[in-house]
C-alpha atoms as a PDB file:
ATOM      1  CA  MET A   1      70.549-145.205   8.191  1.00  0.00           C
ATOM      2  CA  GLU A   2      72.890-143.125  10.343  1.00  0.00           C
ATOM      3  CA  ALA A   3      74.526-146.393  11.447  1.00  0.00           C
ATOM      4  CA  LEU A   4      74.814-147.443   7.791  1.00  0.00           C
ATOM      5  CA  LEU A   5      76.660-144.257   6.946  1.00  0.00           C
ATOM      6  CA  ASN A   6      79.205-145.145   9.635  1.00  0.00           C
ATOM      7  CA  THR A   7      79.898-141.508  10.410  1.00  0.00           C
ATOM      8  CA  ARG A   8      79.656-139.292  13.457  1.00  0.00           C
ATOM      9  CA  ASN A   9      78.491-136.389  11.325  1.00  0.00           C
ATOM     10  CA  THR A  10      74.811-137.153  11.888  1.00  0.00           C
ATOM     11  CA  GLY A  11      74.147-133.430  11.736  1.00  0.00           C
ATOM     12  CA  TYR A  12      75.002-133.458   8.035  1.00  0.00           C
ATOM     13  CA  PHE A  13      72.545-136.304   7.517  1.00  0.00           C
ATOM     14  CA  ARG A  14      69.770-134.281   9.157  1.00  0.00           C
ATOM     15  CA  GLN A  15      70.710-131.267   7.052  1.00  0.00           C
ATOM     16  CA  GLY A  16      70.400-133.431   3.956  1.00  0.00           C
ATOM     17  CA  ILE A  17      66.947-134.596   5.026  1.00  0.00           C
ATOM     18  CA  GLY A  18      65.901-130.982   5.523  1.00  0.00           C
ATOM     19  CA  ALA A  19      67.191-130.026   2.077  1.00  0.00           C
ATOM     20  CA  GLY A  20      65.478-133.033   0.501  1.00  0.00           C
ATOM     21  CA  VAL A  21      62.028-132.352   1.949  1.00  0.00           C
ATOM     22  CA  SER A  22      61.214-129.973  -0.910  1.00  0.00           C
ATOM     23  CA  ILE A  23      62.037-132.764  -3.388  1.00  0.00           C
ATOM     24  CA  ALA A  24      59.878-135.212  -1.444  1.00  0.00           C
ATOM     25  CA  VAL A  25      56.936-132.809  -1.609  1.00  0.00           C
ATOM     26  CA  GLY A  26      57.492-132.282  -5.343  1.00  0.00           C
ATOM     27  CA  TYR A  27      57.617-136.026  -5.963  1.00  0.00           C
ATOM     28  CA  PHE A  28      54.227-136.561  -4.324  1.00  0.00           C
ATOM     29  CA  PRO A  29      51.958-135.763  -7.313  1.00  0.00           C
ATOM     30  CA  ILE A  30      54.328-137.274  -9.904  1.00  0.00           C
ATOM     31  CA  ALA A  31      54.773-140.561  -8.024  1.00  0.00           C
ATOM     32  CA  LEU A  32      51.053-140.673  -7.273  1.00  0.00           C
ATOM     33  CA  THR A  33      50.279-140.308 -10.981  1.00  0.00           C
ATOM     34  CA  PHE A  34      52.817-142.989 -11.820  1.00  0.00           C
ATOM     35  CA  GLY A  35      51.061-145.410  -9.471  1.00  0.00           C
ATOM     36  CA  LEU A  36      47.695-144.609 -11.029  1.00  0.00           C
ATOM     37  CA  LEU A  37      49.023-145.130 -14.557  1.00  0.00           C
ATOM     38  CA  ALA A  38      50.825-148.337 -13.578  1.00  0.00           C
ATOM     39  CA  LYS A  39      47.495-149.720 -12.380  1.00  0.00           C
ATOM     40  CA  THR A  40      45.760-148.882 -15.678  1.00  0.00           C
ATOM     41  CA  THR A  41      48.711-150.285 -17.661  1.00  0.00           C
ATOM     42  CA  GLY A  42      48.217-153.665 -16.027  1.00  0.00           C
ATOM     43  CA  LEU A  43      51.020-153.842 -13.476  1.00  0.00           C
ATOM     44  CA  THR A  44      50.364-155.414 -10.103  1.00  0.00           C
ATOM     45  CA  PHE A  45      50.856-153.520  -6.852  1.00  0.00           C
ATOM     46  CA  ILE A  46      54.105-155.381  -6.145  1.00  0.00           C
ATOM     47  CA  GLU A  47      55.432-154.722  -9.675  1.00  0.00           C
ATOM     48  CA  THR A  48      54.602-151.036  -9.372  1.00  0.00           C
ATOM     49  CA  VAL A  49      56.347-150.595  -6.042  1.00  0.00           C
ATOM     50  CA  MET A  50      59.322-152.730  -7.072  1.00  0.00           C
ATOM     51  CA  MET A  51      59.822-150.644 -10.216  1.00  0.00           C
ATOM     52  CA  SER A  52      60.087-147.538  -8.045  1.00  0.00           C
ATOM     53  CA  VAL A  53      62.338-149.368  -5.581  1.00  0.00           C
ATOM     54  CA  PHE A  54      64.818-150.614  -8.189  1.00  0.00           C
ATOM     55  CA  VAL A  55      64.602-147.940 -10.898  1.00  0.00           C
ATOM     56  CA  PHE A  56      63.885-144.656  -9.070  1.00  0.00           C
ATOM     57  CA  ALA A  57      63.757-142.570 -12.238  1.00  0.00           C
ATOM     58  CA  GLY A  58      60.557-140.755 -13.098  1.00  0.00           C
ATOM     59  CA  ALA A  59      60.944-140.224 -16.848  1.00  0.00           C
ATOM     60  CA  ALA A  60      62.337-143.734 -17.359  1.00  0.00           C
ATOM     61  CA  GLN A  61      59.456-145.297 -15.431  1.00  0.00           C
ATOM     62  CA  TYR A  62      56.863-143.382 -17.426  1.00  0.00           C
ATOM     63  CA  ILE A  63      58.534-144.429 -20.676  1.00  0.00           C
ATOM     64  CA  SER A  64      58.596-148.017 -19.442  1.00  0.00           C
ATOM     65  CA  LEU A  65      54.831-147.892 -18.873  1.00  0.00           C
ATOM     66  CA  SER A  66      54.302-146.597 -22.398  1.00  0.00           C
ATOM     67  CA  LEU A  67      56.474-149.338 -23.889  1.00  0.00           C
ATOM     68  CA  LEU A  68      54.814-152.039 -21.786  1.00  0.00           C
ATOM     69  CA  ALA A  69      51.411-150.815 -22.941  1.00  0.00           C
ATOM     70  CA  LEU A  70      52.616-151.360 -26.525  1.00  0.00           C
ATOM     71  CA  GLY A  71      53.694-154.910 -25.684  1.00  0.00           C
ATOM     72  CA  THR A  72      57.392-154.109 -26.062  1.00  0.00           C
ATOM     73  CA  GLY A  73      59.915-156.752 -25.001  1.00  0.00           C
ATOM     74  CA  ALA A  74      62.051-156.472 -21.871  1.00  0.00           C
ATOM     75  CA  PHE A  75      65.306-155.851 -23.763  1.00  0.00           C
ATOM     76  CA  GLU A  76      63.871-152.882 -25.676  1.00  0.00           C
ATOM     77  CA  VAL A  77      62.493-151.403 -22.447  1.00  0.00           C
ATOM     78  CA  VAL A  78      65.858-151.718 -20.682  1.00  0.00           C
ATOM     79  CA  LEU A  79      67.768-150.296 -23.651  1.00  0.00           C
ATOM     80  CA  THR A  80      65.421-147.337 -24.063  1.00  0.00           C
ATOM     81  CA  THR A  81      65.522-146.403 -20.375  1.00  0.00           C
ATOM     82  CA  PHE A  82      69.328-146.739 -20.442  1.00  0.00           C
ATOM     83  CA  ILE A  83      69.499-144.226 -23.280  1.00  0.00           C
ATOM     84  CA  VAL A  84      67.129-141.849 -21.488  1.00  0.00           C
ATOM     85  CA  ASN A  85      69.195-141.991 -18.278  1.00  0.00           C
ATOM     86  CA  ILE A  86      72.647-141.920 -19.845  1.00  0.00           C
ATOM     87  CA  ARG A  87      73.033-138.343 -18.572  1.00  0.00           C
ATOM     88  CA  HIS A  88      73.412-139.821 -15.078  1.00  0.00           C
ATOM     89  CA  PHE A  89      76.994-140.763 -15.937  1.00  0.00           C
ATOM     90  CA  LEU A  90      77.817-137.068 -16.281  1.00  0.00           C
ATOM     91  CA  MET A  91      75.918-136.121 -13.129  1.00  0.00           C
ATOM     92  CA  SER A  92      77.695-138.821 -11.121  1.00  0.00           C
ATOM     93  CA  ALA A  93      81.090-137.717 -12.420  1.00  0.00           C
ATOM     94  CA  SER A  94      80.295-134.115 -11.516  1.00  0.00           C
ATOM     95  CA  LEU A  95      79.213-134.971  -7.972  1.00  0.00           C
ATOM     96  CA  SER A  96      82.260-137.164  -7.497  1.00  0.00           C
ATOM     97  CA  GLU A  97      84.395-134.027  -7.746  1.00  0.00           C
ATOM     98  CA  LYS A  98      82.479-132.253  -4.959  1.00  0.00           C
ATOM     99  CA  LEU A  99      81.765-135.074  -2.520  1.00  0.00           C
ATOM    100  CA  GLU A 100      84.304-136.032   0.095  1.00  0.00           C
ATOM    101  CA  GLU A 101      86.467-139.049  -0.626  1.00  0.00           C
ATOM    102  CA  ASP A 102      84.786-142.180   0.679  1.00  0.00           C
ATOM    103  CA  SER A 103      84.567-145.940   0.211  1.00  0.00           C
ATOM    104  CA  LEU A 104      83.404-147.333  -3.108  1.00  0.00           C
ATOM    105  CA  TRP A 105      80.314-149.071  -1.704  1.00  0.00           C
ATOM    106  CA  LYS A 106      79.007-145.804  -0.273  1.00  0.00           C
ATOM    107  CA  LYS A 107      79.532-144.095  -3.619  1.00  0.00           C
ATOM    108  CA  ALA A 108      77.650-146.908  -5.326  1.00  0.00           C
ATOM    109  CA  ILE A 109      74.671-146.435  -2.983  1.00  0.00           C
ATOM    110  CA  TYR A 110      74.327-142.677  -3.318  1.00  0.00           C
ATOM    111  CA  SER A 111      74.978-142.801  -7.086  1.00  0.00           C
ATOM    112  CA  PHE A 112      71.831-144.944  -7.349  1.00  0.00           C
ATOM    113  CA  GLY A 113      69.891-142.129  -5.709  1.00  0.00           C
ATOM    114  CA  ILE A 114      70.979-139.448  -8.168  1.00  0.00           C
ATOM    115  CA  THR A 115      68.064-137.889 -10.048  1.00  0.00           C
ATOM    116  CA  ASP A 116      67.806-134.489 -11.712  1.00  0.00           C
ATOM    117  CA  GLU A 117      66.361-133.084  -8.488  1.00  0.00           C
ATOM    118  CA  THR A 118      68.718-134.681  -5.950  1.00  0.00           C
ATOM    119  CA  PHE A 119      71.692-133.792  -8.161  1.00  0.00           C
ATOM    120  CA  THR A 120      70.640-130.144  -8.209  1.00  0.00           C
ATOM    121  CA  VAL A 121      70.127-129.883  -4.448  1.00  0.00           C
ATOM    122  CA  ILE A 122      73.382-131.661  -3.618  1.00  0.00           C
ATOM    123  CA  SER A 123      75.542-129.907  -6.214  1.00  0.00           C
ATOM    124  CA  VAL A 124      74.541-126.339  -5.264  1.00  0.00           C
ATOM    125  CA  LYS A 125      75.723-126.761  -1.684  1.00  0.00           C
ATOM    126  CA  ASP A 126      78.842-124.693  -1.049  1.00  0.00           C
ATOM    127  CA  GLY A 127      82.187-126.303  -0.333  1.00  0.00           C
ATOM    128  CA  SER A 128      83.026-129.968  -0.011  1.00  0.00           C
ATOM    129  CA  ILE A 129      79.915-132.086   0.436  1.00  0.00           C
ATOM    130  CA  LYS A 130      79.746-134.729   3.138  1.00  0.00           C
ATOM    131  CA  THR A 131      78.542-138.211   2.238  1.00  0.00           C
ATOM    132  CA  ALA A 132      76.049-138.040   5.105  1.00  0.00           C
ATOM    133  CA  TYR A 133      74.453-134.932   3.582  1.00  0.00           C
ATOM    134  CA  ALA A 134      74.040-136.634   0.192  1.00  0.00           C
ATOM    135  CA  PHE A 135      72.474-139.653   1.878  1.00  0.00           C
ATOM    136  CA  GLY A 136      70.013-137.439   3.729  1.00  0.00           C
ATOM    137  CA  VAL A 137      68.832-135.741   0.527  1.00  0.00           C
ATOM    138  CA  ILE A 138      68.503-139.036  -1.313  1.00  0.00           C
ATOM    139  CA  VAL A 139      66.798-141.046   1.455  1.00  0.00           C
ATOM    140  CA  VAL A 140      63.897-138.646   1.991  1.00  0.00           C
ATOM    141  CA  SER A 141      63.410-138.241  -1.784  1.00  0.00           C
ATOM    142  CA  TYR A 142      63.576-141.979  -2.411  1.00  0.00           C
ATOM    143  CA  LEU A 143      61.073-142.836   0.317  1.00  0.00           C
ATOM    144  CA  SER A 144      58.639-140.245  -1.019  1.00  0.00           C
ATOM    145  CA  TRP A 145      58.864-141.677  -4.537  1.00  0.00           C
ATOM    146  CA  VAL A 146      58.414-145.306  -3.499  1.00  0.00           C
ATOM    147  CA  ILE A 147      55.644-144.746  -0.928  1.00  0.00           C
ATOM    148  CA  ASN A 148      53.610-142.418  -3.134  1.00  0.00           C
ATOM    149  CA  SER A 149      53.937-144.776  -6.110  1.00  0.00           C
ATOM    150  CA  GLY A 150      52.275-147.478  -4.039  1.00  0.00           C
ATOM    151  CA  LEU A 151      49.700-145.000  -2.717  1.00  0.00           C
ATOM    152  CA  GLY A 152      48.817-143.982  -6.274  1.00  0.00           C
ATOM    153  CA  TYR A 153      48.251-147.604  -7.221  1.00  0.00           C
ATOM    154  CA  LEU A 154      45.939-148.150  -4.250  1.00  0.00           C
ATOM    155  CA  ILE A 155      43.951-145.027  -5.145  1.00  0.00           C
ATOM    156  CA  GLY A 156      43.664-146.377  -8.700  1.00  0.00           C
ATOM    157  CA  GLU A 157      42.047-149.535  -7.386  1.00  0.00           C
ATOM    158  CA  ILE A 158      39.132-147.633  -5.877  1.00  0.00           C
ATOM    159  CA  LEU A 159      38.525-145.393  -8.906  1.00  0.00           C
ATOM    160  CA  PRO A 160      35.524-146.174 -11.135  1.00  0.00           C
ATOM    161  CA  THR A 161      36.310-148.263 -14.212  1.00  0.00           C
ATOM    162  CA  PHE A 162      35.686-145.433 -16.680  1.00  0.00           C
ATOM    163  CA  LEU A 163      38.167-143.207 -14.833  1.00  0.00           C
ATOM    164  CA  GLN A 164      40.794-145.964 -14.834  1.00  0.00           C
ATOM    165  CA  ALA A 165      40.356-146.332 -18.593  1.00  0.00           C
ATOM    166  CA  SER A 166      40.724-142.594 -19.141  1.00  0.00           C
ATOM    167  CA  MET A 167      44.048-142.578 -17.292  1.00  0.00           C
ATOM    168  CA  SER A 168      45.735-144.089 -20.368  1.00  0.00           C
ATOM    169  CA  VAL A 169      45.375-140.666 -22.018  1.00  0.00           C
ATOM    170  CA  ALA A 170      47.053-139.069 -18.999  1.00  0.00           C
ATOM    171  CA  LEU A 171      50.243-140.979 -19.807  1.00  0.00           C
ATOM    172  CA  TYR A 172      50.668-139.058 -23.047  1.00  0.00           C
ATOM    173  CA  ALA A 173      49.683-135.813 -21.352  1.00  0.00           C
ATOM    174  CA  MET A 174      52.458-136.451 -18.838  1.00  0.00           C
ATOM    175  CA  PHE A 175      55.007-136.863 -21.649  1.00  0.00           C
ATOM    176  CA  VAL A 176      53.880-133.556 -23.143  1.00  0.00           C
ATOM    177  CA  GLY A 177      54.198-131.946 -19.723  1.00  0.00           C
ATOM    178  CA  LEU A 178      57.759-133.240 -19.395  1.00  0.00           C
ATOM    179  CA  LEU A 179      58.765-132.283 -22.928  1.00  0.00           C
ATOM    180  CA  VAL A 180      57.355-128.758 -23.341  1.00  0.00           C
ATOM    181  CA  PRO A 181      59.387-127.063 -20.540  1.00  0.00           C
ATOM    182  CA  SER A 182      62.589-128.565 -21.993  1.00  0.00           C
ATOM    183  CA  MET A 183      61.637-127.394 -25.490  1.00  0.00           C
ATOM    184  CA  LYS A 184      61.185-123.842 -24.202  1.00  0.00           C
ATOM    185  CA  LYS A 185      64.689-123.828 -22.753  1.00  0.00           C
ATOM    186  CA  SER A 186      66.577-125.428 -25.658  1.00  0.00           C
ATOM    187  CA  VAL A 187      66.182-125.367 -29.436  1.00  0.00           C
ATOM    188  CA  LYS A 188      68.239-128.556 -29.487  1.00  0.00           C
ATOM    189  CA  VAL A 189      65.484-130.409 -27.608  1.00  0.00           C
ATOM    190  CA  VAL A 190      62.939-129.212 -30.183  1.00  0.00           C
ATOM    191  CA  PHE A 191      64.995-130.594 -33.068  1.00  0.00           C
ATOM    192  CA  LEU A 192      65.720-133.796 -31.132  1.00  0.00           C
ATOM    193  CA  ALA A 193      62.048-134.471 -30.432  1.00  0.00           C
ATOM    194  CA  GLY A 194      61.003-133.607 -33.974  1.00  0.00           C
ATOM    195  CA  THR A 195      63.712-135.738 -35.580  1.00  0.00           C
ATOM    196  CA  ALA A 196      62.906-138.709 -33.357  1.00  0.00           C
ATOM    197  CA  ALA A 197      59.222-138.405 -34.266  1.00  0.00           C
ATOM    198  CA  ILE A 198      60.066-138.371 -37.992  1.00  0.00           C
ATOM    199  CA  PHE A 199      62.356-141.404 -37.711  1.00  0.00           C
ATOM    200  CA  ASN A 200      59.776-143.297 -35.673  1.00  0.00           C
ATOM    201  CA  THR A 201      57.042-142.557 -38.223  1.00  0.00           C
ATOM    202  CA  VAL A 202      59.242-143.691 -41.114  1.00  0.00           C
ATOM    203  CA  PHE A 203      60.175-146.920 -39.338  1.00  0.00           C
ATOM    204  CA  LEU A 204      56.570-147.743 -38.457  1.00  0.00           C
ATOM    205  CA  PHE A 205      55.188-147.178 -41.954  1.00  0.00           C
ATOM    206  CA  THR A 206      58.059-148.431 -44.113  1.00  0.00           C
ATOM    207  CA  THR A 207      59.509-151.347 -42.124  1.00  0.00           C
ATOM    208  CA  SER A 208      58.223-154.374 -40.273  1.00  0.00           C
ATOM    209  CA  ILE A 209      60.101-153.744 -37.026  1.00  0.00           C
ATOM    210  CA  SER A 210      58.099-153.639 -33.782  1.00  0.00           C
ATOM    211  CA  GLU A 211      56.928-150.406 -32.173  1.00  0.00           C
ATOM    212  CA  GLY A 212      59.381-150.933 -29.314  1.00  0.00           C
ATOM    213  CA  TRP A 213      62.414-151.254 -31.592  1.00  0.00           C
ATOM    214  CA  SER A 214      61.134-148.363 -33.694  1.00  0.00           C
ATOM    215  CA  ILE A 215      61.251-146.100 -30.628  1.00  0.00           C
ATOM    216  CA  VAL A 216      64.717-147.337 -29.653  1.00  0.00           C
ATOM    217  CA  LEU A 217      66.188-146.827 -33.134  1.00  0.00           C
ATOM    218  CA  ALA A 218      64.482-143.463 -33.602  1.00  0.00           C
ATOM    219  CA  THR A 219      65.869-142.252 -30.275  1.00  0.00           C
ATOM    220  CA  LEU A 220      69.406-143.402 -31.046  1.00  0.00           C
ATOM    221  CA  MET A 221      69.495-142.099 -34.612  1.00  0.00           C
ATOM    222  CA  SER A 222      68.024-138.703 -33.743  1.00  0.00           C
ATOM    223  CA  ALA A 223      70.477-138.250 -30.856  1.00  0.00           C
ATOM    224  CA  LEU A 224      73.449-139.187 -33.045  1.00  0.00           C
ATOM    225  CA  LEU A 225      72.280-136.972 -35.904  1.00  0.00           C
ATOM    226  CA  ILE A 226      71.694-133.902 -33.716  1.00  0.00           C
ATOM    227  CA  GLU A 227      75.061-134.336 -31.988  1.00  0.00           C
ATOM    228  CA  PHE A 228      76.798-134.754 -35.370  1.00  0.00           C
ATOM    229  CA  VAL A 229      75.166-131.615 -36.762  1.00  0.00           C
ATOM    230  CA  GLN A 230      76.023-129.645 -33.616  1.00  0.00           C
ATOM    231  CA  LEU A 231      79.638-130.819 -33.761  1.00  0.00           C
ATOM    232  CA  LYS A 232      79.971-129.846 -37.435  1.00  0.00           C
ATOM    233  CA  THR A 233      78.374-126.469 -36.715  1.00  0.00           C
ATOM    234  CA  MET A 234      80.806-125.784 -33.874  1.00  0.00           C
ATOM    235  CA  LYS A 235      83.776-126.754 -36.040  1.00  0.00           C
ATOM    236  CA  GLY A 236      82.496-124.588 -38.866  1.00  0.00           C
ATOM    237  CA  GLY A 237      82.155-121.641 -36.521  1.00  0.00           C
ATOM    238  CA  GLY A 238      85.691-122.158 -35.260  1.00  0.00           C
ATOM    239  CA  HIS A 239      87.160-121.678 -38.752  1.00  0.00           C
ATOM    240  CA  LYS A 240      85.524-118.306 -39.273  1.00  0.00           C
END
């Protein structure tokens, strides 16, 4: 990897690895659970590991499992995960201002490795950030996610059948665990989640669209509505 970075600043790479160890440790239980749930959802070992290899986004991968369990089509899964991860555009733009100027292909590689956690660790570092440092943070985090996803799947294979079946409930518990902390920090998230739930319920009971498309449309419409209301509120406050 140090050869790939094509830089003599290998010390920065090691610093990045050291900073990313805490992320790697934090990813262990989440990736392990993802592997377990992927097994109960019906994915193969290769599919589970490859999803972590090519997606590397915890919330998006959990949502994908939920949609796959509902029999949702590939296009709806891709579109939904795109919407969920659209914030990465802003995170990438923000990091681009702090990271040293470098070749486009290197930027493309480390932008793939941006998650909420790696973004936080990289962005809080003082001064201009070396590319090698960013790579160090991302590499150790990425390896932890991929390896522990596969480990979780293998553990799922040796669990008794009744425990594997019960893991389907854990998927929804995981969503609640992801949502509640965000709801505590922001009223906007509360309204967003509630509005999306209302839209989804209306679509399911009053239309003939599939569950996958219902989730996609509910997510889009709730996001647009909340942003519109917030914009109008801000404008109204500016006139006072």
